[in-house]
Amino acid sequence: MKRAMHNVNISLQVIPISAGTNSYELVDHAIRVIRKSGIVHQVCPMETVMEGDYDKIMKIIKQAHQAVLDAGAKKVLSVIKVELSASADVSMKAKTAHWQNQKA
């Protein structure tokens, strides 16, 4: 019997290839897609981390890639990292809570 997959964390780093269009502006299109999706996410300096259903996030990634192409990128390279667990949801908060209130 197939088990339902728990929530996952997936990070997406979008690297647009374009002549003449600012790469940060192209990345902004991908981030807008993620924000509009309503998925739990955190924008970081080098990537955006999403939390939720694996299939839903992969659909969002596809939409983000298309948005970057539609905005003028000739190609899109991406680094995608996935953390999933067979026994529990994966949570950004659970992984980082210890560090949120720490002083240097």
N, C-alpha and C. Protein backbone atom coordinates (compact mmCIF):
# COMPACT_ATOMS: atom_id res chain seq x y z
N MET A 1 0.84 -1.18 0.00
CA MET A 1 0.00 0.00 0.00
C MET A 1 0.88 1.25 0.00
N LYS A 2 0.57 2.17 -0.88
CA LYS A 2 1.36 3.39 -1.01
C LYS A 2 1.00 4.39 0.09
N ARG A 3 2.04 4.92 0.76
CA ARG A 3 1.83 5.90 1.81
C ARG A 3 1.73 7.30 1.21
N ALA A 4 0.93 8.14 1.84
CA ALA A 4 0.88 9.55 1.44
C ALA A 4 2.20 10.21 1.82
N MET A 5 2.70 11.06 0.96
CA MET A 5 3.95 11.75 1.24
C MET A 5 3.69 12.90 2.21
N HIS A 6 4.57 13.03 3.17
CA HIS A 6 4.50 14.13 4.12
C HIS A 6 4.94 15.43 3.44
N ASN A 7 4.66 16.56 4.11
CA ASN A 7 5.15 17.83 3.60
C ASN A 7 6.66 17.81 3.47
N VAL A 8 7.15 18.51 2.48
CA VAL A 8 8.58 18.54 2.16
C VAL A 8 9.08 19.97 2.18
N ASN A 9 10.38 20.13 2.18
CA ASN A 9 11.04 21.41 1.91
C ASN A 9 11.76 21.25 0.59
N ILE A 10 11.54 22.22 -0.29
CA ILE A 10 12.23 22.24 -1.58
C ILE A 10 12.79 23.63 -1.78
N SER A 11 14.09 23.72 -2.05
CA SER A 11 14.69 25.02 -2.34
C SER A 11 14.90 25.13 -3.84
N LEU A 12 14.71 26.34 -4.33
CA LEU A 12 14.85 26.63 -5.76
C LEU A 12 15.78 27.82 -5.93
N GLN A 13 16.86 27.59 -6.67
CA GLN A 13 17.74 28.68 -7.09
C GLN A 13 17.57 28.80 -8.59
N VAL A 14 17.11 29.95 -9.05
CA VAL A 14 16.89 30.21 -10.47
C VAL A 14 18.06 31.01 -11.00
N ILE A 15 18.64 30.53 -12.09
CA ILE A 15 19.77 31.20 -12.72
C ILE A 15 19.38 31.47 -14.17
N PRO A 16 18.85 32.67 -14.46
CA PRO A 16 18.43 32.96 -15.82
C PRO A 16 19.62 33.32 -16.71
N ILE A 17 19.56 32.88 -17.95
CA ILE A 17 20.56 33.22 -18.95
C ILE A 17 19.89 34.17 -19.93
N SER A 18 20.43 35.38 -20.04
CA SER A 18 19.80 36.39 -20.89
C SER A 18 20.83 37.41 -21.34
N ALA A 19 20.63 37.91 -22.53
CA ALA A 19 21.47 38.99 -23.05
C ALA A 19 20.67 40.28 -22.92
N GLY A 20 21.12 41.15 -22.05
CA GLY A 20 20.50 42.46 -21.97
C GLY A 20 19.49 42.65 -20.85
N THR A 21 18.90 41.60 -20.33
CA THR A 21 17.93 41.74 -19.25
C THR A 21 18.62 41.44 -17.92
N ASN A 22 18.40 42.31 -16.95
CA ASN A 22 19.01 42.14 -15.63
C ASN A 22 18.55 40.82 -15.01
N SER A 23 19.49 40.00 -14.59
CA SER A 23 19.14 38.68 -14.06
C SER A 23 18.32 38.77 -12.78
N TYR A 24 18.56 39.78 -11.95
CA TYR A 24 17.77 39.93 -10.72
C TYR A 24 16.30 40.22 -11.05
N GLU A 25 16.08 41.02 -12.08
CA GLU A 25 14.71 41.31 -12.49
C GLU A 25 14.02 40.04 -12.99
N LEU A 26 14.75 39.19 -13.67
CA LEU A 26 14.17 37.92 -14.14
C LEU A 26 13.85 37.00 -12.97
N VAL A 27 14.74 36.93 -12.00
CA VAL A 27 14.49 36.11 -10.81
C VAL A 27 13.25 36.61 -10.07
N ASP A 28 13.04 37.91 -10.06
CA ASP A 28 11.86 38.48 -9.40
C ASP A 28 10.56 37.88 -9.96
N HIS A 29 10.55 37.56 -11.24
CA HIS A 29 9.35 36.95 -11.83
C HIS A 29 9.08 35.58 -11.22
N ALA A 30 10.13 34.82 -10.99
CA ALA A 30 9.97 33.51 -10.35
C ALA A 30 9.46 33.66 -8.93
N ILE A 31 10.01 34.62 -8.20
CA ILE A 31 9.59 34.83 -6.81
C ILE A 31 8.13 35.27 -6.76
N ARG A 32 7.69 36.09 -7.70
CA ARG A 32 6.28 36.50 -7.73
C ARG A 32 5.35 35.30 -7.90
N VAL A 33 5.74 34.36 -8.75
CA VAL A 33 4.93 33.15 -8.93
C VAL A 33 4.82 32.40 -7.62
N ILE A 34 5.93 32.26 -6.92
CA ILE A 34 5.94 31.54 -5.64
C ILE A 34 5.05 32.27 -4.63
N ARG A 35 5.19 33.57 -4.54
CA ARG A 35 4.39 34.36 -3.57
C ARG A 35 2.90 34.25 -3.87
N LYS A 36 2.54 34.36 -5.15
CA LYS A 36 1.12 34.31 -5.54
C LYS A 36 0.52 32.93 -5.31
N SER A 37 1.35 31.89 -5.25
CA SER A 37 0.85 30.53 -5.07
C SER A 37 0.25 30.31 -3.68
N GLY A 38 0.69 31.10 -2.71
CA GLY A 38 0.23 30.94 -1.34
C GLY A 38 0.98 29.87 -0.55
N ILE A 39 1.95 29.22 -1.18
CA ILE A 39 2.73 28.18 -0.50
C ILE A 39 3.60 28.82 0.59
N VAL A 40 3.81 28.13 1.67
CA VAL A 40 4.72 28.61 2.70
C VAL A 40 6.12 28.68 2.08
N HIS A 41 6.78 29.82 2.22
CA HIS A 41 8.10 29.97 1.60
C HIS A 41 8.92 31.01 2.34
N GLN A 42 10.21 30.98 2.07
CA GLN A 42 11.13 31.99 2.58
C GLN A 42 12.10 32.35 1.47
N VAL A 43 12.13 33.62 1.12
CA VAL A 43 13.08 34.11 0.13
C VAL A 43 14.40 34.36 0.84
N CYS A 44 15.46 33.75 0.36
CA CYS A 44 16.81 33.89 0.91
C CYS A 44 17.69 34.53 -0.15
N PRO A 45 18.88 34.97 0.21
CA PRO A 45 19.73 35.64 -0.76
C PRO A 45 20.10 34.80 -1.99
N MET A 46 20.23 33.50 -1.82
CA MET A 46 20.69 32.66 -2.93
C MET A 46 19.64 31.71 -3.47
N GLU A 47 18.51 31.57 -2.77
CA GLU A 47 17.47 30.62 -3.18
C GLU A 47 16.20 30.94 -2.41
N THR A 48 15.12 30.33 -2.85
CA THR A 48 13.86 30.42 -2.13
C THR A 48 13.48 29.01 -1.68
N VAL A 49 13.11 28.88 -0.41
CA VAL A 49 12.73 27.59 0.15
C VAL A 49 11.22 27.55 0.29
N MET A 50 10.62 26.46 -0.18
CA MET A 50 9.18 26.27 -0.09
C MET A 50 8.87 25.06 0.78
N GLU A 51 7.70 25.09 1.40
CA GLU A 51 7.29 24.01 2.29
C GLU A 51 5.86 23.62 1.95
N GLY A 52 5.64 22.32 1.77
CA GLY A 52 4.29 21.86 1.48
C GLY A 52 4.30 20.55 0.71
N ASP A 53 3.24 20.36 -0.07
CA ASP A 53 3.06 19.15 -0.86
C ASP A 53 4.06 19.10 -2.02
N TYR A 54 4.73 17.96 -2.15
CA TYR A 54 5.77 17.79 -3.17
C TYR A 54 5.25 18.13 -4.57
N ASP A 55 4.14 17.53 -4.97
CA ASP A 55 3.62 17.75 -6.32
C ASP A 55 3.22 19.20 -6.56
N LYS A 56 2.62 19.82 -5.55
CA LYS A 56 2.22 21.23 -5.68
C LYS A 56 3.45 22.12 -5.88
N ILE A 57 4.49 21.86 -5.10
CA ILE A 57 5.70 22.68 -5.22
C ILE A 57 6.36 22.48 -6.58
N MET A 58 6.39 21.25 -7.07
CA MET A 58 7.00 21.01 -8.38
C MET A 58 6.21 21.73 -9.48
N LYS A 59 4.91 21.82 -9.34
CA LYS A 59 4.09 22.57 -10.29
C LYS A 59 4.44 24.06 -10.22
N ILE A 60 4.62 24.57 -9.02
CA ILE A 60 5.00 25.98 -8.84
C ILE A 60 6.35 26.24 -9.49
N ILE A 61 7.30 25.31 -9.33
CA ILE A 61 8.62 25.47 -9.94
C ILE A 61 8.50 25.55 -11.46
N LYS A 62 7.67 24.70 -12.03
CA LYS A 62 7.47 24.75 -13.49
C LYS A 62 6.90 26.10 -13.91
N GLN A 63 5.93 26.61 -13.15
CA GLN A 63 5.35 27.92 -13.45
C GLN A 63 6.37 29.04 -13.28
N ALA A 64 7.22 28.93 -12.28
CA ALA A 64 8.27 29.94 -12.06
C ALA A 64 9.25 29.95 -13.23
N HIS A 65 9.64 28.77 -13.68
CA HIS A 65 10.54 28.70 -14.84
C HIS A 65 9.90 29.36 -16.06
N GLN A 66 8.64 29.05 -16.29
CA GLN A 66 7.95 29.62 -17.46
C GLN A 66 7.87 31.14 -17.35
N ALA A 67 7.62 31.64 -16.15
CA ALA A 67 7.54 33.10 -15.96
C ALA A 67 8.86 33.77 -16.29
N VAL A 68 9.97 33.14 -15.94
CA VAL A 68 11.29 33.70 -16.23
C VAL A 68 11.54 33.69 -17.74
N LEU A 69 11.17 32.62 -18.40
CA LEU A 69 11.31 32.57 -19.86
C LEU A 69 10.41 33.62 -20.52
N ASP A 70 9.18 33.73 -20.06
CA ASP A 70 8.25 34.71 -20.61
C ASP A 70 8.74 36.14 -20.41
N ALA A 71 9.54 36.37 -19.37
CA ALA A 71 10.06 37.71 -19.07
C ALA A 71 11.30 38.05 -19.89
N GLY A 72 11.81 37.09 -20.67
CA GLY A 72 12.92 37.41 -21.55
C GLY A 72 14.16 36.56 -21.43
N ALA A 73 14.19 35.64 -20.50
CA ALA A 73 15.37 34.77 -20.39
C ALA A 73 15.43 33.85 -21.61
N LYS A 74 16.63 33.59 -22.09
CA LYS A 74 16.83 32.66 -23.21
C LYS A 74 16.88 31.22 -22.70
N LYS A 75 17.40 31.06 -21.49
CA LYS A 75 17.49 29.76 -20.82
C LYS A 75 17.31 29.99 -19.33
N VAL A 76 16.96 28.92 -18.63
CA VAL A 76 16.88 28.97 -17.16
C VAL A 76 17.60 27.73 -16.62
N LEU A 77 18.60 27.97 -15.81
CA LEU A 77 19.25 26.89 -15.07
C LEU A 77 18.73 26.98 -13.64
N SER A 78 18.55 25.83 -13.01
CA SER A 78 18.07 25.84 -11.62
C SER A 78 18.80 24.80 -10.80
N VAL A 79 18.96 25.13 -9.53
CA VAL A 79 19.43 24.18 -8.54
C VAL A 79 18.23 23.93 -7.63
N ILE A 80 17.84 22.67 -7.53
CA ILE A 80 16.69 22.29 -6.72
C ILE A 80 17.15 21.28 -5.67
N LYS A 81 16.86 21.58 -4.41
CA LYS A 81 17.19 20.66 -3.32
C LYS A 81 15.90 20.25 -2.64
N VAL A 82 15.77 18.96 -2.34
CA VAL A 82 14.56 18.43 -1.74
C VAL A 82 14.91 17.72 -0.44
N GLU A 83 14.15 18.05 0.61
CA GLU A 83 14.23 17.27 1.84
C GLU A 83 12.85 16.69 2.10
N LEU A 84 12.80 15.37 2.26
CA LEU A 84 11.55 14.70 2.59
C LEU A 84 11.82 13.60 3.58
N SER A 85 10.78 13.21 4.28
CA SER A 85 10.90 12.18 5.31
C SER A 85 9.80 11.15 5.11
N ALA A 86 10.13 9.89 5.34
CA ALA A 86 9.14 8.82 5.24
C ALA A 86 8.17 8.84 6.42
N SER A 87 8.55 9.48 7.52
CA SER A 87 7.75 9.35 8.74
C SER A 87 7.14 10.64 9.28
N ALA A 88 7.52 11.81 8.74
CA ALA A 88 7.02 13.05 9.32
C ALA A 88 7.12 14.19 8.31
N ASP A 89 6.35 15.24 8.58
CA ASP A 89 6.47 16.45 7.77
C ASP A 89 7.84 17.07 8.01
N VAL A 90 8.34 17.74 6.99
CA VAL A 90 9.58 18.50 7.09
C VAL A 90 9.18 19.97 7.21
N SER A 91 9.74 20.66 8.17
CA SER A 91 9.34 22.03 8.47
C SER A 91 10.57 22.94 8.58
N MET A 92 10.49 24.09 7.91
CA MET A 92 11.56 25.08 8.04
C MET A 92 11.67 25.55 9.48
N LYS A 93 10.53 25.78 10.11
CA LYS A 93 10.53 26.28 11.49
C LYS A 93 11.20 25.29 12.43
N ALA A 94 10.90 24.02 12.27
CA ALA A 94 11.50 23.01 13.15
C ALA A 94 13.02 22.95 12.97
N LYS A 95 13.47 23.17 11.75
CA LYS A 95 14.91 23.09 11.48
C LYS A 95 15.66 24.33 11.93
N THR A 96 14.98 25.46 12.06
CA THR A 96 15.68 26.71 12.35
C THR A 96 15.30 27.36 13.68
N ALA A 97 14.29 26.84 14.36
CA ALA A 97 13.80 27.47 15.59
C ALA A 97 14.91 27.67 16.62
N HIS A 98 15.79 26.71 16.74
CA HIS A 98 16.89 26.80 17.70
C HIS A 98 17.74 28.05 17.47
N TRP A 99 17.90 28.45 16.23
CA TRP A 99 18.77 29.56 15.87
C TRP A 99 18.05 30.91 15.87
N GLN A 100 16.75 30.91 15.88
CA GLN A 100 16.00 32.16 15.77
C GLN A 100 16.22 33.10 16.95
N ASN A 101 16.40 32.57 18.12
CA ASN A 101 16.54 33.40 19.33
C ASN A 101 17.96 33.36 19.92
N GLN A 102 18.89 32.84 19.16
CA GLN A 102 20.27 32.78 19.62
C GLN A 102 20.98 34.11 19.41
N LYS A 103 21.81 34.45 20.35
CA LYS A 103 22.67 35.62 20.19
C LYS A 103 24.03 35.15 19.71
N ALA A 104 24.71 35.99 19.02
CA ALA A 104 26.02 35.63 18.46
C ALA A 104 27.01 35.22 19.52
